[in-house]
Amino acid sequence: MRSAGALAFDGAAPPGLHTPTMQVKLNGEIREVPEGTTVAALLAQLGVKAQRVAVEVNEAVVTKDRYEAHALNGGDAVEIVAFVGGG
C-alpha cells in the first residue's frame, strides 16, 4: 500500500505491461522512478517548475541547461531546493 504522499509513476501503462523502474533518493526519501528518467522528467512528474528550483545530483549541481540531458541512475541522490521570494 502506498502512503498518501507517494506518487505513482507507472500508473499509465497498459494492463499487462510494466515500466521498468529504479530507485533514487529524492530529498532524503527513496522513490521509484522510471528507468532513464532525466532531471527535467523528474521535475515534470513532481509538478515542479524548473525555473524556481536548483537541482543537485550526487552532490553536484545540475545546471538548468542540462536538465533535459542529465539522465538519473539507480541509487542517485537527488536534492531539489526551491527558491522562496520575500520582501
Protein backbone atom coordinates (compact mmCIF):
# COMPACT_ATOMS: atom_id res chain seq x y z
CA MET A 1 0.00 0.00 0.00
CA ARG A 2 1.30 3.45 -0.88
CA SER A 3 1.47 6.28 1.57
CA ALA A 4 -0.68 9.34 0.90
CA GLY A 5 2.30 11.34 -0.39
CA ALA A 6 3.66 8.70 -2.78
CA LEU A 7 3.50 9.33 -6.50
CA ALA A 8 2.62 6.57 -8.97
CA PHE A 9 4.92 6.97 -11.96
CA ASP A 10 3.90 3.88 -13.93
CA GLY A 11 0.12 4.03 -13.46
CA ALA A 12 -0.50 4.91 -17.13
CA ALA A 13 0.99 1.69 -18.50
CA PRO A 14 -1.50 -0.54 -20.33
CA PRO A 15 -2.64 -3.62 -18.42
CA GLY A 16 -0.07 -6.40 -18.53
CA LEU A 17 2.85 -4.08 -19.26
CA HIS A 18 5.30 -2.94 -16.63
CA THR A 19 7.50 0.12 -16.90
CA PRO A 20 10.96 -0.78 -15.52
CA THR A 21 11.80 1.40 -12.54
CA MET A 22 14.79 2.31 -10.44
CA GLN A 23 15.23 3.79 -7.02
CA VAL A 24 16.66 7.24 -6.39
CA LYS A 25 16.95 9.13 -3.14
CA LEU A 26 14.93 12.33 -3.52
CA ASN A 27 15.50 14.90 -0.78
CA GLY A 28 16.40 12.07 1.58
CA GLU A 29 13.45 9.82 0.67
CA ILE A 30 13.67 6.70 -1.53
CA ARG A 31 11.46 6.99 -4.64
CA GLU A 32 10.73 4.70 -7.57
CA VAL A 33 11.06 6.40 -10.96
CA PRO A 34 11.05 5.01 -14.49
CA GLU A 35 14.45 3.93 -15.81
CA GLY A 36 16.03 6.62 -17.95
CA THR A 37 14.29 9.47 -16.14
CA THR A 38 16.01 12.81 -16.73
CA VAL A 39 16.11 15.69 -14.27
CA ALA A 40 13.57 17.51 -16.48
CA ALA A 41 11.24 14.49 -16.50
CA LEU A 42 11.52 14.10 -12.72
CA LEU A 43 10.61 17.74 -12.18
CA ALA A 44 7.64 17.37 -14.55
CA GLN A 45 6.44 14.21 -12.77
CA LEU A 46 6.61 16.06 -9.47
CA GLY A 47 4.85 19.13 -10.87
CA VAL A 48 7.84 21.33 -10.06
CA LYS A 49 8.62 24.38 -12.21
CA ALA A 50 12.27 24.20 -13.25
CA GLN A 51 12.70 27.99 -13.13
CA ARG A 52 12.08 28.04 -9.38
CA VAL A 53 14.45 25.32 -8.20
CA ALA A 54 18.08 24.25 -8.03
CA VAL A 55 18.92 20.57 -8.52
CA GLU A 56 21.87 18.62 -7.22
CA VAL A 57 22.63 15.00 -8.18
CA ASN A 58 25.18 13.16 -6.06
CA GLU A 59 26.33 16.47 -4.55
CA ALA A 60 26.99 18.06 -7.97
CA VAL A 61 24.83 20.94 -9.19
CA VAL A 62 22.99 20.25 -12.45
CA THR A 63 22.55 23.48 -14.37
CA LYS A 64 19.17 24.22 -15.94
CA ASP A 65 20.59 23.85 -19.45
CA ARG A 66 21.44 20.20 -18.59
CA TYR A 67 18.05 19.16 -17.10
CA GLU A 68 16.86 17.55 -20.38
CA ALA A 69 20.11 15.67 -20.98
CA HIS A 70 21.01 14.59 -17.43
CA ALA A 71 19.68 11.04 -17.03
CA LEU A 72 19.39 9.71 -13.50
CA ASN A 73 20.80 6.33 -12.47
CA GLY A 74 19.60 3.91 -9.84
CA GLY A 75 20.96 4.91 -6.44
CA ASP A 76 21.45 8.57 -7.34
CA ALA A 77 20.90 11.09 -4.54
CA VAL A 78 18.81 13.99 -5.88
CA GLU A 79 18.26 17.20 -3.93
CA ILE A 80 15.69 19.73 -5.18
CA VAL A 81 15.78 23.11 -3.48
CA ALA A 82 13.01 25.64 -4.11
CA PHE A 83 13.70 29.35 -4.23
CA VAL A 84 11.48 31.37 -1.92
CA GLY A 85 10.92 35.05 -2.55
CA GLY A 86 10.31 37.51 0.19
CA GLY A 87 10.13 41.14 0.80
